[in-house]
Structure formats: structure tokens, C-alpha cells
Amino acid sequence: MKYIRKFIILTMAVFTITNVKAQTKPAPADRVMKDAIAEAAATHKNVFIIFHASWCGWCHKMDNAMNEGELKSFFNSNYVVVHLTVDESKDKKNLENPGADELRKKYHGENQGLPYWFIVDSKGNFLADSRKADDKNPGKLSSVGCPSEQDEVDYFVQVVKKTSSLNNQQLALIQQRFRKNKE
């Protein structure tokens, strides 16, 4: 009986903790952005904002690539990387960061698909985003999202080169890894 009582108490504690975590609302996008910019200023980095959703396979591929092996240290040493959740299904709307959709629109990502990303400096000044010139539609920009095609990866590496202190060897490793997303 003693063990059953302990089991019941432990089960109730786990359920309560899990339930509280499940009900925790994500931080508002403006606070996430403000905190990331403050951290970037303190650490002399830029901010890499990624809009994503739990259902988005390309979003997961982007995260996997950026967090793989050496690449993780490359990105973490140059950027404060933050995620903002948007476009969730009706049953997962509670995962979305309040105000993230408005922030995405402010930075021209409303019609770009996911993942959509942009980079700002430690003062919040816009540096670059995932939109590149669309070769098939002159004058139009389209998002590379999680780059996989050669031209997308080339654009991504160009942006990373412009907004980081990574050297050519490190950039080549990023290019090589993101090309694997096509496989």
C-alpha cells in the first residue's frame, strides 16, 4: 500500500508539471525580439530569427542543419538564433508566439512560406532575409526557406558571409551541409 501511495503521488506530480508546461504560453514576439537584440548587443553578435511551425518538415531540416556538428558552433558564435512559431493548425494555435505573424509581415515574410528567416544587427537594424531574386520572375523576390538547391544554398552562404565573421572554410562546410537537404 505504501508503494501504491508513492506511485499515485509521483504520477500526480508528473501530470501536474506536464499540464502546467503544456499550458505555458509562448513569449510574445516583440519580447523575444527585444531579448535577442539585448543578448546580441552584450555578446557582439547579430540576431537570426526563424519563423517556423511544428508541422513544417523544411523547418526541421533547417534546424537540423544549423545544429549539426561544427555548424552549431559556427552559428552560435555569430548569431543569437531565435525561433518564432506561426501558422500552426487549429489544435496547436497555443504554440504560436503572440505577435509573430505581425512581425513576419513587418519583415516582408507574410507570403514566403516556412521557414522564413531574417537577420538584424545588435541594434535591430535589418541586414538580410531569406528572400532572393527569383530567376524565373524578374523583379520578384522569393524565399529560399531552408536552402537545398544550389542557387538557394549559394544565396544563404552569401548572406551568412555578409552577416558573420565566418571564414571561407567554415562557409564551405555550411554550403556542403545544406546541399544535403536536397537528398
C-alpha atoms as a PDB file:
ATOM      1  CA  MET A   1       0.000   0.000   0.000  1.00  0.00           C
ATOM      2  CA  LYS A   2       2.896   2.330   0.843  1.00  0.00           C
ATOM      3  CA  TYR A   3       4.367   1.922  -2.654  1.00  0.00           C
ATOM      4  CA  ILE A   4       0.998   2.439  -4.329  1.00  0.00           C
ATOM      5  CA  ARG A   5       0.522   5.724  -2.448  1.00  0.00           C
ATOM      6  CA  LYS A   6       4.014   6.912  -3.501  1.00  0.00           C
ATOM      7  CA  PHE A   7       3.280   5.883  -7.085  1.00  0.00           C
ATOM      8  CA  ILE A   8      -0.003   7.814  -7.089  1.00  0.00           C
ATOM      9  CA  ILE A   9       1.645  10.914  -5.605  1.00  0.00           C
ATOM     10  CA  LEU A  10       4.509  10.743  -8.100  1.00  0.00           C
ATOM     11  CA  THR A  11       2.078  10.230 -11.008  1.00  0.00           C
ATOM     12  CA  MET A  12       0.007  13.220  -9.908  1.00  0.00           C
ATOM     13  CA  ALA A  13       3.133  15.388  -9.616  1.00  0.00           C
ATOM     14  CA  VAL A  14       4.307  14.436 -13.104  1.00  0.00           C
ATOM     15  CA  PHE A  15       0.837  15.083 -14.531  1.00  0.00           C
ATOM     16  CA  THR A  16       0.650  18.482 -12.817  1.00  0.00           C
ATOM     17  CA  ILE A  17       4.096  19.554 -14.053  1.00  0.00           C
ATOM     18  CA  THR A  18       3.347  18.334 -17.581  1.00  0.00           C
ATOM     19  CA  ASN A  19      -0.032  20.067 -17.574  1.00  0.00           C
ATOM     20  CA  VAL A  20       1.468  23.362 -16.388  1.00  0.00           C
ATOM     21  CA  LYS A  21       4.156  23.194 -19.096  1.00  0.00           C
ATOM     22  CA  ALA A  22       1.546  22.414 -21.747  1.00  0.00           C
ATOM     23  CA  GLN A  23      -0.462  25.472 -20.714  1.00  0.00           C
ATOM     24  CA  THR A  24       2.522  27.831 -20.682  1.00  0.00           C
ATOM     25  CA  LYS A  25       2.032  30.416 -23.373  1.00  0.00           C
ATOM     26  CA  PRO A  26       4.947  31.217 -25.669  1.00  0.00           C
ATOM     27  CA  ALA A  27       6.538  34.620 -25.184  1.00  0.00           C
ATOM     28  CA  PRO A  28       5.243  37.487 -27.316  1.00  0.00           C
ATOM     29  CA  ALA A  29       7.294  38.043 -30.464  1.00  0.00           C
ATOM     30  CA  ASP A  30       8.226  41.614 -29.546  1.00  0.00           C
ATOM     31  CA  ARG A  31       9.678  40.432 -26.220  1.00  0.00           C
ATOM     32  CA  VAL A  32      11.582  37.585 -27.919  1.00  0.00           C
ATOM     33  CA  MET A  33      12.986  40.109 -30.389  1.00  0.00           C
ATOM     34  CA  LYS A  34      13.869  42.642 -27.689  1.00  0.00           C
ATOM     35  CA  ASP A  35      15.609  39.994 -25.551  1.00  0.00           C
ATOM     36  CA  ALA A  36      17.516  38.629 -28.555  1.00  0.00           C
ATOM     37  CA  ILE A  37      18.713  42.111 -29.541  1.00  0.00           C
ATOM     38  CA  ALA A  38      19.835  42.780 -25.942  1.00  0.00           C
ATOM     39  CA  GLU A  39      21.740  39.486 -25.894  1.00  0.00           C
ATOM     40  CA  ALA A  40      23.265  40.238 -29.293  1.00  0.00           C
ATOM     41  CA  ALA A  41      24.447  43.660 -28.073  1.00  0.00           C
ATOM     42  CA  ALA A  42      26.009  42.105 -24.974  1.00  0.00           C
ATOM     43  CA  THR A  43      27.736  39.342 -26.945  1.00  0.00           C
ATOM     44  CA  HIS A  44      28.626  41.279 -30.136  1.00  0.00           C
ATOM     45  CA  LYS A  45      26.511  39.099 -32.414  1.00  0.00           C
ATOM     46  CA  ASN A  46      23.684  39.505 -34.902  1.00  0.00           C
ATOM     47  CA  VAL A  47      20.202  38.047 -34.458  1.00  0.00           C
ATOM     48  CA  PHE A  48      18.970  35.245 -36.729  1.00  0.00           C
ATOM     49  CA  ILE A  49      15.160  34.995 -36.496  1.00  0.00           C
ATOM     50  CA  ILE A  50      13.468  31.908 -37.918  1.00  0.00           C
ATOM     51  CA  PHE A  51       9.698  31.677 -38.372  1.00  0.00           C
ATOM     52  CA  HIS A  52       8.610  28.056 -38.207  1.00  0.00           C
ATOM     53  CA  ALA A  53       5.787  25.657 -37.294  1.00  0.00           C
ATOM     54  CA  SER A  54       5.732  22.252 -35.629  1.00  0.00           C
ATOM     55  CA  TRP A  55       4.346  20.560 -38.768  1.00  0.00           C
ATOM     56  CA  CYS A  56       6.936  22.078 -41.142  1.00  0.00           C
ATOM     57  CA  GLY A  57       9.395  19.460 -42.418  1.00  0.00           C
ATOM     58  CA  TRP A  58      11.657  22.071 -44.029  1.00  0.00           C
ATOM     59  CA  CYS A  59      11.755  23.961 -40.716  1.00  0.00           C
ATOM     60  CA  HIS A  60      13.048  20.808 -39.028  1.00  0.00           C
ATOM     61  CA  LYS A  61      15.625  20.323 -41.796  1.00  0.00           C
ATOM     62  CA  MET A  62      16.822  23.912 -41.270  1.00  0.00           C
ATOM     63  CA  ASP A  63      17.191  23.372 -37.521  1.00  0.00           C
ATOM     64  CA  ASN A  64      18.921  20.020 -38.013  1.00  0.00           C
ATOM     65  CA  ALA A  65      21.444  21.528 -40.410  1.00  0.00           C
ATOM     66  CA  MET A  66      22.151  24.574 -38.246  1.00  0.00           C
ATOM     67  CA  ASN A  67      22.578  22.406 -35.137  1.00  0.00           C
ATOM     68  CA  GLU A  68      24.709  19.670 -36.669  1.00  0.00           C
ATOM     69  CA  GLY A  69      28.297  19.204 -35.506  1.00  0.00           C
ATOM     70  CA  GLU A  70      30.589  22.155 -36.142  1.00  0.00           C
ATOM     71  CA  LEU A  71      27.831  24.171 -37.773  1.00  0.00           C
ATOM     72  CA  LYS A  72      26.119  24.642 -34.433  1.00  0.00           C
ATOM     73  CA  SER A  73      29.178  26.415 -33.028  1.00  0.00           C
ATOM     74  CA  PHE A  74      29.533  28.458 -36.238  1.00  0.00           C
ATOM     75  CA  PHE A  75      26.004  29.791 -35.920  1.00  0.00           C
ATOM     76  CA  ASN A  76      26.036  30.157 -32.127  1.00  0.00           C
ATOM     77  CA  SER A  77      29.304  32.079 -32.136  1.00  0.00           C
ATOM     78  CA  ASN A  78      27.977  34.600 -34.674  1.00  0.00           C
ATOM     79  CA  TYR A  79      24.243  34.823 -34.024  1.00  0.00           C
ATOM     80  CA  VAL A  80      21.624  34.808 -31.347  1.00  0.00           C
ATOM     81  CA  VAL A  81      19.294  32.316 -33.035  1.00  0.00           C
ATOM     82  CA  VAL A  82      15.618  32.572 -32.094  1.00  0.00           C
ATOM     83  CA  HIS A  83      12.500  30.843 -33.349  1.00  0.00           C
ATOM     84  CA  LEU A  84       9.037  32.313 -33.627  1.00  0.00           C
ATOM     85  CA  THR A  85       6.136  29.944 -34.164  1.00  0.00           C
ATOM     86  CA  VAL A  86       3.433  30.832 -36.718  1.00  0.00           C
ATOM     87  CA  ASP A  87       0.848  29.110 -38.924  1.00  0.00           C
ATOM     88  CA  GLU A  88       0.046  26.254 -36.563  1.00  0.00           C
ATOM     89  CA  SER A  89      -3.016  24.065 -37.100  1.00  0.00           C
ATOM     90  CA  LYS A  90      -6.153  24.991 -35.157  1.00  0.00           C
ATOM     91  CA  ASP A  91      -5.473  22.441 -32.429  1.00  0.00           C
ATOM     92  CA  LYS A  92      -1.935  23.813 -31.875  1.00  0.00           C
ATOM     93  CA  LYS A  93      -2.552  27.574 -32.037  1.00  0.00           C
ATOM     94  CA  ASN A  94      -1.397  27.711 -28.402  1.00  0.00           C
ATOM     95  CA  LEU A  95       2.156  27.089 -29.665  1.00  0.00           C
ATOM     96  CA  GLU A  96       2.256  30.346 -31.641  1.00  0.00           C
ATOM     97  CA  ASN A  97       4.145  33.353 -30.328  1.00  0.00           C
ATOM     98  CA  PRO A  98       1.655  36.213 -29.958  1.00  0.00           C
ATOM     99  CA  GLY A  99       2.521  38.944 -32.458  1.00  0.00           C
ATOM    100  CA  ALA A 100       4.846  36.725 -34.524  1.00  0.00           C
ATOM    101  CA  ASP A 101       2.665  36.913 -37.609  1.00  0.00           C
ATOM    102  CA  GLU A 102       2.692  40.731 -37.460  1.00  0.00           C
ATOM    103  CA  LEU A 103       6.485  40.722 -37.090  1.00  0.00           C
ATOM    104  CA  ARG A 104       6.784  38.388 -40.070  1.00  0.00           C
ATOM    105  CA  LYS A 105       4.655  40.802 -42.128  1.00  0.00           C
ATOM    106  CA  LYS A 106       6.775  43.757 -40.994  1.00  0.00           C
ATOM    107  CA  TYR A 107       9.826  41.980 -42.394  1.00  0.00           C
ATOM    108  CA  HIS A 108       8.130  41.003 -45.690  1.00  0.00           C
ATOM    109  CA  GLY A 109       7.674  37.319 -44.927  1.00  0.00           C
ATOM    110  CA  GLU A 110       3.884  37.019 -44.979  1.00  0.00           C
ATOM    111  CA  ASN A 111       3.688  35.293 -48.366  1.00  0.00           C
ATOM    112  CA  GLN A 112       7.005  33.476 -48.291  1.00  0.00           C
ATOM    113  CA  GLY A 113       6.260  30.092 -46.758  1.00  0.00           C
ATOM    114  CA  LEU A 114       8.167  28.442 -43.935  1.00  0.00           C
ATOM    115  CA  PRO A 115      10.774  28.582 -42.759  1.00  0.00           C
ATOM    116  CA  TYR A 116      11.158  32.295 -43.304  1.00  0.00           C
ATOM    117  CA  TRP A 117      14.154  33.972 -41.696  1.00  0.00           C
ATOM    118  CA  PHE A 118      15.793  37.328 -41.394  1.00  0.00           C
ATOM    119  CA  ILE A 119      18.857  38.778 -39.701  1.00  0.00           C
ATOM    120  CA  VAL A 120      19.212  42.027 -37.761  1.00  0.00           C
ATOM    121  CA  ASP A 121      22.214  43.548 -36.063  1.00  0.00           C
ATOM    122  CA  SER A 122      22.562  44.178 -32.335  1.00  0.00           C
ATOM    123  CA  LYS A 123      20.673  47.471 -32.703  1.00  0.00           C
ATOM    124  CA  GLY A 124      17.758  45.879 -34.534  1.00  0.00           C
ATOM    125  CA  ASN A 125      18.753  47.136 -37.976  1.00  0.00           C
ATOM    126  CA  PHE A 126      17.715  44.841 -40.814  1.00  0.00           C
ATOM    127  CA  LEU A 127      20.654  43.132 -42.546  1.00  0.00           C
ATOM    128  CA  ALA A 128      19.221  40.378 -44.755  1.00  0.00           C
ATOM    129  CA  ASP A 129      16.442  37.838 -45.143  1.00  0.00           C
ATOM    130  CA  SER A 130      15.623  34.616 -46.919  1.00  0.00           C
ATOM    131  CA  ARG A 131      14.232  36.409 -49.984  1.00  0.00           C
ATOM    132  CA  LYS A 132      16.361  36.362 -53.099  1.00  0.00           C
ATOM    133  CA  ALA A 133      15.736  37.465 -56.648  1.00  0.00           C
ATOM    134  CA  ASP A 134      13.537  34.953 -58.432  1.00  0.00           C
ATOM    135  CA  ASP A 135      15.317  33.902 -61.622  1.00  0.00           C
ATOM    136  CA  LYS A 136      12.044  32.813 -63.236  1.00  0.00           C
ATOM    137  CA  ASN A 137      10.153  36.025 -62.368  1.00  0.00           C
ATOM    138  CA  PRO A 138      12.349  39.110 -62.812  1.00  0.00           C
ATOM    139  CA  GLY A 139      11.671  41.801 -60.224  1.00  0.00           C
ATOM    140  CA  LYS A 140      10.125  39.324 -57.802  1.00  0.00           C
ATOM    141  CA  LEU A 141      11.674  38.016 -54.597  1.00  0.00           C
ATOM    142  CA  SER A 142      11.064  34.520 -53.277  1.00  0.00           C
ATOM    143  CA  SER A 143      12.218  32.882 -50.082  1.00  0.00           C
ATOM    144  CA  VAL A 144      14.888  30.208 -50.118  1.00  0.00           C
ATOM    145  CA  GLY A 145      13.449  28.944 -46.813  1.00  0.00           C
ATOM    146  CA  CYS A 146      15.643  26.037 -45.868  1.00  0.00           C
ATOM    147  CA  PRO A 147      18.077  26.134 -48.769  1.00  0.00           C
ATOM    148  CA  SER A 148      18.743  22.942 -50.695  1.00  0.00           C
ATOM    149  CA  GLU A 149      19.061  23.834 -54.387  1.00  0.00           C
ATOM    150  CA  GLN A 150      22.487  25.123 -55.459  1.00  0.00           C
ATOM    151  CA  ASP A 151      21.308  28.709 -56.058  1.00  0.00           C
ATOM    152  CA  GLU A 152      19.467  28.758 -52.716  1.00  0.00           C
ATOM    153  CA  VAL A 153      22.479  27.447 -50.822  1.00  0.00           C
ATOM    154  CA  ASP A 154      24.746  29.933 -52.600  1.00  0.00           C
ATOM    155  CA  TYR A 155      22.432  32.772 -51.555  1.00  0.00           C
ATOM    156  CA  PHE A 156      22.278  31.509 -47.953  1.00  0.00           C
ATOM    157  CA  VAL A 157      26.079  31.267 -47.745  1.00  0.00           C
ATOM    158  CA  GLN A 158      26.374  34.767 -49.226  1.00  0.00           C
ATOM    159  CA  VAL A 159      24.040  36.122 -46.505  1.00  0.00           C
ATOM    160  CA  VAL A 160      25.911  34.266 -43.755  1.00  0.00           C
ATOM    161  CA  LYS A 161      29.231  35.568 -45.100  1.00  0.00           C
ATOM    162  CA  LYS A 162      27.907  39.140 -45.086  1.00  0.00           C
ATOM    163  CA  THR A 163      26.453  38.911 -41.556  1.00  0.00           C
ATOM    164  CA  SER A 164      29.076  36.858 -39.708  1.00  0.00           C
ATOM    165  CA  SER A 165      32.807  36.525 -39.164  1.00  0.00           C
ATOM    166  CA  LEU A 166      32.971  33.001 -40.578  1.00  0.00           C
ATOM    167  CA  ASN A 167      35.904  32.196 -42.849  1.00  0.00           C
ATOM    168  CA  ASN A 168      35.768  30.580 -46.288  1.00  0.00           C
ATOM    169  CA  GLN A 169      36.488  27.098 -44.928  1.00  0.00           C
ATOM    170  CA  GLN A 170      33.609  27.350 -42.446  1.00  0.00           C
ATOM    171  CA  LEU A 171      31.299  28.734 -45.135  1.00  0.00           C
ATOM    172  CA  ALA A 172      32.241  25.809 -47.391  1.00  0.00           C
ATOM    173  CA  LEU A 173      31.175  23.387 -44.635  1.00  0.00           C
ATOM    174  CA  ILE A 174      27.839  25.197 -44.308  1.00  0.00           C
ATOM    175  CA  GLN A 175      27.376  25.030 -48.072  1.00  0.00           C
ATOM    176  CA  GLN A 176      28.218  21.323 -48.139  1.00  0.00           C
ATOM    177  CA  ARG A 177      25.799  20.520 -45.304  1.00  0.00           C
ATOM    178  CA  PHE A 178      22.871  22.487 -46.708  1.00  0.00           C
ATOM    179  CA  ARG A 179      23.277  20.808 -50.083  1.00  0.00           C
ATOM    180  CA  LYS A 180      22.470  17.556 -48.281  1.00  0.00           C
ATOM    181  CA  ASN A 181      18.948  18.906 -47.639  1.00  0.00           C
ATOM    182  CA  LYS A 182      18.141  18.103 -51.252  1.00  0.00           C
ATOM    183  CA  GLU A 183      18.807  14.391 -50.709  1.00  0.00           C
END
